[in-house]
Amino acid sequence: MDLRVQKAPREDHELPDSMTSPFLQCIEQGCERRYPLDAKEHLCSACGALLDVRYDFSQIDAKSLSKVWQQRKMSSAITDQSGVWRFRELLPFVPAGTQVISLSEGRTPLVEVNRTGEWAGVQLSIKHQGNNPTGSFKDLGMTACITQAAILGSRVTACASTGNTSASMAAYAARAGMKAVVFVPFGKISTAKLAQALEFGAVVIEMGDNFDQAFRMLRDLTDELGLYLVNSLNPFRLEGQKTIVCEILEQRDWRVPDYLVLPGGNLGNVSSVGKGLQELQQIGVIDKLPRLVVVQAEGANPFFTMIATGADEIVPVQPRTEASAIRIGNPVNWKKALRALRFTDGLCESVSDEQIFEAKAALAKDGVGCEPASAASVAGIQKLVQSGKMEDGADVVAVLTGHQLKDPEISIKRRSERELAQQRLHVEPDIDKLRAALESVMLQSA
């Protein structure tokens, strides 16, 4: 169904014609220069600021949107099986008839976690992005980003990564028949994430001590070598990622939560969610906003520090945290993230690694696993409740960004010798010894 007012209908499964005249625009209020969608650079040539993908949504009939989005769940078309492209009226940058690069991303569960909520002091549900094709939220942005790369005829994609972006880019580049080149800090990403990128055929270049060094050097070579950069500096990444808010609200029957909480590294995720909320309100799909909350690790919290101190600019730090997915000291999207928090009257918090792993353990008691960075969102909720900045019993959705198996080594490393002795038993193949071991286990659970 076409959502333009007073126009003839079309098939639900077809990608609709561009209905909103998309363009790129500088985010700085004093500049706001516009660029065509095929502009090669991802920064404003006039002032150096980040760019947004912008649309004119005035022709969309808001009353029909939620109905059409729901109807598409019954379709077998690839654009309807995707939790990103099912909401394609919000991403009308793709020319009519163009095949999107998709792995049926999105469609991730929204799960109530009562024990964890009681631990944190709120009514809590988690949106688990670890259920995406490559195990993280990056897939939502990568389907949009690699689709745009294909539209432009790009042959080689590149990214700097702490691990999740590299795995996602490598998979979607392979899907599109492109070459993928990954820059990662030497010895600083998990074996699981490295294995993913290699499995999908990416060339992995290990260099420097942290993400920020790798990203800076990659940017210096992007134009010179004709690489298509897919880090969240690329505004098309955020276009895909913003659709998570549509899926969350749809799963809640369009009831807006009090708070929507995300971990913060390079800050693309909270930026994209803020943009998605702004567009849904602009179109008229929602008339209320949740307060966005972004949570950083204490060892990599320049955004939190900027807000807490009232500074006008972010001051980069040398990142140190075991939550490797958010181990970023100079987040490129901080201005977009600040815009999102201001738009939603949001909050920013910082938590220690110890608090992150306590939250991870609390989630495990609800049968929910995640990589450490994901648990930062839940740790932040508890800290905000205890400090009185978030109401006790508030209706909260926390986004978990990555799968438990993204960083399995840390789960073993973080367990004490006593815990391992209780949970990891070695028993000789003798029935009496096996019986004794099982009896001891049963006594522990009694």
Protein backbone atom coordinates (compact mmCIF):
# COMPACT_ATOMS: atom_id res chain seq x y z
CA MET A 1 0.00 0.00 0.00
CA ASP A 2 1.26 3.46 -0.90
CA LEU A 3 1.14 5.92 1.98
CA ARG A 4 0.95 9.09 -0.06
CA VAL A 5 -2.33 10.84 0.56
CA GLN A 6 -4.99 10.38 -2.18
CA LYS A 7 -2.84 8.20 -4.42
CA ALA A 8 -3.56 4.82 -5.96
CA PRO A 9 -2.45 1.82 -3.89
CA ARG A 10 0.46 -0.45 -4.79
CA GLU A 11 1.56 -3.90 -3.65
CA ASP A 12 2.63 -4.09 0.00
CA HIS A 13 5.80 -6.06 -0.76
CA GLU A 14 7.18 -3.57 -3.29
CA LEU A 15 9.71 -0.96 -2.23
CA PRO A 16 7.72 2.25 -2.69
CA ASP A 17 8.80 5.05 -4.99
CA SER A 18 10.73 7.83 -3.33
CA MET A 19 8.02 9.96 -1.78
CA THR A 20 9.99 12.43 0.27
CA SER A 21 12.86 14.05 -1.72
CA PRO A 22 15.83 12.87 0.39
CA PHE A 23 19.05 14.87 0.75
CA LEU A 24 22.06 15.19 3.06
CA GLN A 25 22.27 18.16 5.41
CA CYS A 26 24.85 19.56 7.82
CA ILE A 27 23.70 19.28 11.43
CA GLU A 28 25.17 22.65 12.52
CA GLN A 29 22.40 25.23 12.93
CA GLY A 30 24.63 28.01 11.66
CA CYS A 31 25.38 26.12 8.46
CA GLU A 32 22.79 23.50 7.44
CA ARG A 33 24.28 23.18 3.97
CA ARG A 34 22.59 20.59 1.78
CA TYR A 35 24.27 17.92 -0.34
CA PRO A 36 23.04 15.28 -2.78
CA LEU A 37 22.74 11.68 -1.57
CA ASP A 38 25.70 10.60 -3.69
CA ALA A 39 28.13 13.00 -1.99
CA LYS A 40 31.34 11.06 -1.29
CA GLU A 41 32.33 12.79 1.95
CA HIS A 42 30.43 12.17 5.18
CA LEU A 43 31.26 15.57 6.67
CA CYS A 44 30.18 19.07 5.68
CA SER A 45 32.76 20.58 3.33
CA ALA A 46 31.94 24.06 4.63
CA CYS A 47 32.26 23.57 8.41
CA GLY A 48 33.40 19.97 8.96
CA ALA A 49 30.28 18.93 10.91
CA LEU A 50 28.38 15.66 10.63
CA LEU A 51 25.62 15.14 8.07
CA ASP A 52 22.06 13.85 8.41
CA VAL A 53 19.91 12.15 5.80
CA ARG A 54 16.81 14.35 5.61
CA TYR A 55 13.38 13.88 4.06
CA ASP A 56 10.15 15.77 3.47
CA PHE A 57 7.56 13.62 5.21
CA SER A 58 4.64 15.96 4.53
CA GLN A 59 2.99 13.57 2.05
CA ILE A 60 2.82 10.58 4.42
CA ASP A 61 -0.52 9.58 5.91
CA ALA A 62 0.40 8.83 9.53
CA LYS A 63 -2.86 6.99 10.25
CA SER A 64 -2.01 4.30 7.70
CA LEU A 65 1.59 3.68 8.68
CA SER A 66 1.21 1.35 11.66
CA LYS A 67 -1.44 -0.71 9.83
CA VAL A 68 0.72 -1.19 6.74
CA TRP A 69 3.80 -2.01 8.83
CA GLN A 70 1.81 -4.68 10.66
CA GLN A 71 0.38 -6.14 7.44
CA ARG A 72 3.85 -6.58 5.97
CA LYS A 73 4.69 -9.19 8.60
CA MET A 74 2.58 -11.62 6.58
CA SER A 75 4.61 -11.09 3.41
CA SER A 76 7.49 -13.30 2.28
CA ALA A 77 9.24 -10.49 0.36
CA ILE A 78 12.75 -9.79 1.61
CA THR A 79 11.94 -6.13 2.25
CA ASP A 80 9.06 -7.19 4.49
CA GLN A 81 10.98 -9.92 6.31
CA SER A 82 13.54 -7.32 7.38
CA GLY A 83 12.94 -5.41 10.60
CA VAL A 84 14.54 -2.41 8.91
CA TRP A 85 13.00 -2.33 5.44
CA ARG A 86 9.52 -3.17 6.73
CA PHE A 87 9.57 0.44 7.94
CA ARG A 88 10.85 1.69 4.59
CA GLU A 89 8.68 4.81 4.52
CA LEU A 90 11.24 6.17 6.99
CA LEU A 91 14.14 5.28 4.65
CA PRO A 92 13.03 6.49 1.23
CA PHE A 93 16.56 7.13 -0.03
CA VAL A 94 16.55 3.89 -2.07
CA PRO A 95 15.51 4.38 -5.73
CA ALA A 96 12.43 2.46 -6.85
CA GLY A 97 13.26 -1.03 -8.13
CA THR A 98 16.60 -1.20 -6.31
CA GLN A 99 17.32 -4.46 -4.50
CA VAL A 100 18.30 -3.87 -0.89
CA ILE A 101 21.18 -5.77 0.73
CA SER A 102 19.47 -7.65 3.54
CA LEU A 103 19.94 -10.67 5.81
CA SER A 104 16.48 -10.35 7.41
CA GLU A 105 17.92 -8.24 10.18
CA GLY A 106 15.84 -6.82 13.00
CA ARG A 107 12.71 -8.65 14.22
CA THR A 108 14.42 -9.04 17.59
CA PRO A 109 12.51 -9.89 20.80
CA LEU A 110 11.28 -7.50 23.44
CA VAL A 111 11.38 -9.52 26.67
CA GLU A 112 10.18 -8.69 30.17
CA VAL A 113 12.90 -9.38 32.76
CA ASN A 114 11.17 -9.26 36.12
CA ARG A 115 14.06 -10.40 38.31
CA THR A 116 16.43 -7.93 36.71
CA GLY A 117 13.82 -5.21 36.95
CA GLU A 118 13.41 -5.86 40.67
CA TRP A 119 17.21 -5.74 41.04
CA ALA A 120 17.34 -2.41 39.20
CA GLY A 121 14.19 -0.96 40.78
CA VAL A 122 12.02 -0.55 37.66
CA GLN A 123 9.54 -2.35 35.40
CA LEU A 124 12.04 -3.54 32.84
CA SER A 125 11.93 -5.02 29.35
CA ILE A 126 14.97 -5.66 27.19
CA LYS A 127 15.25 -5.31 23.43
CA HIS A 128 17.90 -7.89 22.54
CA GLN A 129 19.85 -6.89 19.44
CA GLY A 130 22.14 -9.87 19.89
CA ASN A 131 19.52 -11.85 17.96
CA ASN A 132 20.51 -10.15 14.70
CA PRO A 133 22.26 -12.13 11.89
CA THR A 134 25.81 -11.30 13.04
CA GLY A 135 24.88 -10.97 16.70
CA SER A 136 24.68 -7.21 17.24
CA PHE A 137 22.68 -4.06 16.56
CA LYS A 138 25.18 -3.08 13.87
CA ASP A 139 23.24 -5.13 11.32
CA LEU A 140 20.35 -2.62 11.37
CA GLY A 141 22.67 0.12 10.18
CA MET A 142 24.75 -2.06 7.90
CA THR A 143 21.84 -3.15 5.70
CA ALA A 144 21.11 0.52 4.95
CA CYS A 145 24.74 1.51 4.63
CA ILE A 146 25.79 -1.32 2.29
CA THR A 147 22.63 -0.79 0.23
CA GLN A 148 23.74 2.82 -0.29
CA ALA A 149 27.25 1.61 -1.13
CA ALA A 150 25.76 -0.66 -3.80
CA ILE A 151 23.68 2.22 -5.20
CA LEU A 152 26.89 4.24 -5.56
CA GLY A 153 28.70 1.33 -7.22
CA SER A 154 31.28 0.93 -4.46
CA ARG A 155 33.55 -2.13 -4.66
CA VAL A 156 35.51 -1.93 -1.38
CA THR A 157 34.06 -1.15 2.03
CA ALA A 158 36.12 -0.31 5.11
CA CYS A 159 35.69 0.34 8.82
CA ALA A 160 37.58 0.74 12.06
CA SER A 161 36.07 -1.46 14.73
CA THR A 162 36.14 -2.82 18.25
CA GLY A 163 34.70 -5.99 16.70
CA ASN A 164 30.96 -5.79 16.08
CA THR A 165 31.10 -3.36 13.15
CA SER A 166 33.77 -5.47 11.47
CA ALA A 167 31.67 -8.64 11.69
CA SER A 168 28.57 -6.89 10.40
CA MET A 169 30.29 -5.08 7.56
CA ALA A 170 32.09 -8.24 6.45
CA ALA A 171 28.80 -10.18 6.28
CA TYR A 172 26.85 -7.53 4.39
CA ALA A 173 29.76 -6.79 2.05
CA ALA A 174 29.92 -10.49 1.24
CA ARG A 175 26.17 -10.47 0.63
CA ALA A 176 26.64 -7.58 -1.82
CA GLY A 177 29.70 -9.08 -3.53
CA MET A 178 32.05 -6.37 -2.20
CA LYS A 179 35.48 -6.57 -0.62
CA ALA A 180 35.72 -5.68 3.07
CA VAL A 181 38.77 -4.22 4.84
CA VAL A 182 38.73 -3.95 8.63
CA PHE A 183 41.03 -1.85 10.85
CA VAL A 184 41.13 -3.08 14.46
CA PRO A 185 43.32 -2.25 17.48
CA PHE A 186 46.05 -4.86 17.82
CA GLY A 187 45.13 -7.61 20.30
CA LYS A 188 42.13 -5.68 21.62
CA ILE A 189 39.10 -7.45 20.09
CA SER A 190 37.64 -10.78 21.10
CA THR A 191 38.53 -13.92 19.21
CA ALA A 192 34.85 -14.49 18.41
CA LYS A 193 34.46 -11.13 16.68
CA LEU A 194 37.74 -11.53 14.80
CA ALA A 195 36.67 -14.98 13.64
CA GLN A 196 33.41 -13.58 12.28
CA ALA A 197 35.15 -11.00 10.11
CA LEU A 198 37.61 -13.58 8.77
CA GLU A 199 34.85 -16.11 8.11
CA PHE A 200 33.04 -13.62 5.87
CA GLY A 201 36.21 -12.99 3.87
CA ALA A 202 37.32 -9.61 5.22
CA VAL A 203 40.94 -8.52 5.26
CA VAL A 204 41.75 -7.58 8.85
CA ILE A 205 44.50 -5.02 9.52
CA GLU A 206 45.54 -4.89 13.18
CA MET A 207 47.17 -1.64 14.23
CA GLY A 208 47.47 0.79 17.12
CA ASP A 209 46.31 0.49 20.71
CA ASN A 210 42.65 1.46 20.45
CA PHE A 211 39.70 2.11 18.15
CA ASP A 212 40.31 5.85 17.95
CA GLN A 213 43.81 5.41 16.50
CA ALA A 214 42.60 2.91 13.90
CA PHE A 215 39.66 5.13 12.93
CA ARG A 216 41.81 8.25 12.56
CA MET A 217 44.27 6.54 10.21
CA LEU A 218 41.49 4.94 8.17
CA ARG A 219 39.84 8.33 7.62
CA ASP A 220 43.11 9.73 6.31
CA LEU A 221 43.16 7.10 3.55
CA THR A 222 39.47 6.74 2.69
CA ASP A 223 39.29 9.30 -0.13
CA GLU A 224 42.78 8.61 -1.44
CA LEU A 225 42.10 4.88 -1.94
CA GLY A 226 38.42 5.12 -2.87
CA LEU A 227 37.15 3.18 0.15
CA TYR A 228 33.51 3.34 1.21
CA LEU A 229 33.58 4.08 4.95
CA VAL A 230 30.82 2.39 6.95
CA ASN A 231 31.52 3.61 10.47
CA SER A 232 28.68 5.54 12.11
CA LEU A 233 30.23 8.75 10.77
CA ASN A 234 28.33 7.57 7.67
CA PRO A 235 24.78 8.96 8.08
CA PHE A 236 23.22 5.99 6.27
CA ARG A 237 24.30 3.71 9.12
CA LEU A 238 22.11 5.68 11.49
CA GLU A 239 19.17 5.51 9.09
CA GLY A 240 19.00 1.75 9.49
CA GLN A 241 19.61 1.83 13.23
CA LYS A 242 16.77 4.30 13.88
CA THR A 243 14.18 1.67 12.95
CA ILE A 244 14.71 -0.11 16.28
CA VAL A 245 12.45 2.46 17.90
CA CYS A 246 9.64 1.60 15.47
CA GLU A 247 9.94 -2.08 16.34
CA ILE A 248 10.05 -1.41 20.09
CA LEU A 249 6.96 0.78 20.01
CA GLU A 250 5.09 -1.61 17.74
CA GLN A 251 5.85 -4.48 20.14
CA ARG A 252 4.40 -2.35 22.93
CA ASP A 253 1.24 -1.57 20.93
CA TRP A 254 2.62 1.97 20.50
CA ARG A 255 2.70 2.66 24.23
CA VAL A 256 5.72 4.88 24.80
CA PRO A 257 7.90 3.86 27.79
CA ASP A 258 9.08 6.35 30.38
CA TYR A 259 12.73 5.69 29.52
CA LEU A 260 14.65 4.07 26.68
CA VAL A 261 18.19 3.19 27.76
CA LEU A 262 21.23 2.38 25.59
CA PRO A 263 24.96 1.81 26.15
CA GLY A 264 27.23 4.46 24.65
CA GLY A 265 30.53 4.03 22.80
CA ASN A 266 30.77 5.92 19.52
CA LEU A 267 27.23 7.19 20.30
CA GLY A 268 25.70 6.31 16.93
CA ASN A 269 22.95 4.22 18.51
CA VAL A 270 21.47 6.88 20.80
CA SER A 271 21.86 9.40 17.95
CA SER A 272 19.90 7.21 15.56
CA VAL A 273 17.14 6.47 18.09
CA GLY A 274 16.79 10.19 18.75
CA LYS A 275 16.41 10.85 15.04
CA GLY A 276 13.85 8.06 14.72
CA LEU A 277 11.77 9.46 17.56
CA GLN A 278 11.92 12.95 16.10
CA GLU A 279 10.69 11.69 12.73
CA LEU A 280 7.88 9.57 14.21
CA GLN A 281 6.67 12.60 16.16
CA GLN A 282 6.99 14.83 13.09
CA ILE A 283 4.90 12.44 11.00
CA GLY A 284 2.32 12.11 13.79
CA VAL A 285 2.77 8.43 14.62
CA ILE A 286 3.50 9.28 18.26
CA ASP A 287 2.63 12.32 20.36
CA LYS A 288 4.79 11.50 23.38
CA LEU A 289 8.53 10.87 23.75
CA PRO A 290 10.45 8.57 26.09
CA ARG A 291 13.42 10.06 27.88
CA LEU A 292 16.56 8.68 26.25
CA VAL A 293 19.37 7.53 28.52
CA VAL A 294 22.90 6.73 27.36
CA VAL A 295 25.28 4.88 29.68
CA GLN A 296 29.06 4.86 29.29
CA ALA A 297 31.77 2.83 31.02
CA GLU A 298 33.77 4.85 33.55
CA GLY A 299 37.01 4.12 31.73
CA ALA A 300 35.61 5.43 28.44
CA ASN A 301 33.18 8.18 29.37
CA PRO A 302 34.12 11.45 27.67
CA PHE A 303 30.49 12.19 26.76
CA PHE A 304 29.33 11.74 30.36
CA THR A 305 32.20 13.91 31.59
CA MET A 306 31.32 16.67 29.13
CA ILE A 307 27.69 16.73 30.28
CA ALA A 308 28.52 16.41 33.99
CA THR A 309 31.01 19.28 33.87
CA GLY A 310 28.95 21.52 31.58
CA ALA A 311 31.71 21.67 28.98
CA ASP A 312 30.94 22.81 25.43
CA GLU A 313 33.20 20.29 23.69
CA ILE A 314 34.13 16.70 24.29
CA VAL A 315 37.65 15.94 25.57
CA PRO A 316 38.99 12.63 24.22
CA VAL A 317 40.31 10.07 26.72
CA GLN A 318 42.48 6.97 26.57
CA PRO A 319 39.73 4.32 26.86
CA ARG A 320 40.06 1.57 29.46
CA THR A 321 37.22 -0.87 30.11
CA GLU A 322 36.58 -4.58 29.83
CA ALA A 323 33.37 -3.74 27.94
CA SER A 324 35.26 -3.78 24.66
CA ALA A 325 32.34 -2.80 22.40
CA ILE A 326 32.18 0.64 24.06
CA ARG A 327 35.93 1.04 24.57
CA ILE A 328 36.02 4.30 22.59
CA GLY A 329 37.61 7.50 23.86
CA ASN A 330 36.68 9.99 21.13
CA PRO A 331 33.09 9.31 19.99
CA VAL A 332 32.45 10.84 16.58
CA ASN A 333 28.68 11.17 17.05
CA TRP A 334 28.71 13.16 20.29
CA LYS A 335 26.95 16.20 18.78
CA LYS A 336 24.13 14.05 17.41
CA ALA A 337 23.89 12.24 20.74
CA LEU A 338 23.67 15.55 22.61
CA ARG A 339 20.92 16.65 20.23
CA ALA A 340 19.01 13.42 20.98
CA LEU A 341 19.26 13.89 24.76
CA ARG A 342 18.17 17.50 24.55
CA PHE A 343 15.23 16.63 22.30
CA THR A 344 13.96 13.95 24.71
CA ASP A 345 15.01 15.58 28.01
CA GLY A 346 17.38 12.65 28.35
CA LEU A 347 20.06 11.58 30.80
CA CYS A 348 23.63 10.34 30.68
CA GLU A 349 25.24 8.05 33.26
CA SER A 350 28.59 6.36 33.80
CA VAL A 351 29.15 2.97 35.45
CA SER A 352 32.17 0.97 36.56
CA ASP A 353 33.18 -2.35 35.03
CA GLU A 354 32.19 -3.97 38.32
CA GLN A 355 28.68 -2.54 38.03
CA ILE A 356 28.48 -3.73 34.41
CA PHE A 357 29.29 -7.30 35.37
CA GLU A 358 26.86 -7.19 38.29
CA ALA A 359 24.14 -6.20 35.82
CA LYS A 360 25.26 -8.96 33.47
CA ALA A 361 24.87 -11.47 36.31
CA ALA A 362 21.41 -10.08 37.14
CA LEU A 363 20.30 -10.57 33.53
CA ALA A 364 21.63 -14.14 33.57
CA LYS A 365 19.20 -14.95 36.42
CA ASP A 366 16.42 -14.09 33.96
CA GLY A 367 17.97 -16.41 31.38
CA VAL A 368 19.28 -13.50 29.32
CA GLY A 369 22.89 -13.41 28.15
CA CYS A 370 24.69 -10.52 26.50
CA GLU A 371 28.16 -9.18 25.90
CA PRO A 372 29.48 -6.89 28.67
CA ALA A 373 28.85 -3.57 26.89
CA SER A 374 25.14 -4.42 26.62
CA ALA A 375 24.82 -4.77 30.37
CA ALA A 376 25.99 -1.18 30.83
CA SER A 377 22.45 -0.04 30.04
CA VAL A 378 21.00 -2.11 32.90
CA ALA A 379 23.77 -1.09 35.29
CA GLY A 380 23.02 2.53 34.49
CA ILE A 381 19.32 2.06 35.28
CA GLN A 382 20.07 0.76 38.77
CA LYS A 383 22.50 3.61 39.43
CA LEU A 384 20.00 6.23 38.26
CA VAL A 385 17.24 4.77 40.44
CA GLN A 386 19.51 4.66 43.49
CA SER A 387 20.54 8.28 42.94
CA GLY A 388 16.91 9.39 42.55
CA LYS A 389 17.36 10.55 38.93
CA MET A 390 15.01 7.83 37.66
CA GLU A 391 11.73 7.08 39.40
CA ASP A 392 11.41 3.82 41.31
CA GLY A 393 9.06 1.53 39.35
CA ALA A 394 9.38 3.47 36.08
CA ASP A 395 8.44 1.78 32.79
CA VAL A 396 11.81 1.19 31.13
CA VAL A 397 13.13 -0.48 27.97
CA ALA A 398 16.84 -1.27 27.88
CA VAL A 399 18.59 -2.09 24.62
CA LEU A 400 21.08 -4.95 24.76
CA THR A 401 23.39 -4.42 21.81
CA GLY A 402 25.31 -7.69 21.44
CA HIS A 403 25.10 -11.45 21.85
CA GLN A 404 26.53 -13.30 24.85
CA LEU A 405 28.92 -15.26 22.59
CA LYS A 406 30.51 -12.09 21.21
CA ASP A 407 33.00 -12.10 24.07
CA PRO A 408 32.91 -15.55 25.73
CA GLU A 409 36.41 -15.37 27.21
CA ILE A 410 35.38 -12.64 29.62
CA SER A 411 32.65 -14.82 31.16
CA ILE A 412 35.25 -17.37 32.22
CA LYS A 413 37.83 -14.77 33.22
CA ARG A 414 35.37 -12.94 35.45
CA ARG A 415 34.28 -15.99 37.46
CA SER A 416 36.02 -16.64 40.78
CA GLU A 417 37.83 -19.88 41.54
CA ARG A 418 35.05 -20.70 44.02
CA GLU A 419 32.33 -20.18 41.39
CA LEU A 420 34.20 -22.29 38.85
CA ALA A 421 34.73 -25.02 41.41
CA GLN A 422 30.98 -25.14 42.04
CA GLN A 423 29.92 -24.98 38.41
CA ARG A 424 32.65 -26.74 36.44
CA LEU A 425 33.15 -30.25 37.77
CA HIS A 426 35.57 -32.92 36.58
CA VAL A 427 34.37 -36.41 37.38
CA GLU A 428 36.07 -39.67 36.55
CA PRO A 429 33.94 -42.19 34.58
CA ASP A 430 32.82 -44.02 37.71
CA ILE A 431 29.11 -44.34 38.57
CA ASP A 432 29.60 -43.88 42.32
CA LYS A 433 31.70 -40.77 41.87
CA LEU A 434 29.20 -39.41 39.36
CA ARG A 435 26.35 -40.09 41.82
CA ALA A 436 28.22 -38.27 44.60
CA ALA A 437 28.85 -35.28 42.32
CA LEU A 438 25.19 -35.06 41.32
CA GLU A 439 24.06 -35.35 44.93
CA SER A 440 26.27 -32.41 45.87
CA VAL A 441 24.76 -30.38 43.02
CA MET A 442 21.25 -31.22 44.21
CA LEU A 443 22.12 -30.17 47.73
CA GLN A 444 23.32 -26.78 46.44
CA SER A 445 19.97 -26.15 44.74
CA ALA A 446 17.85 -27.31 47.70
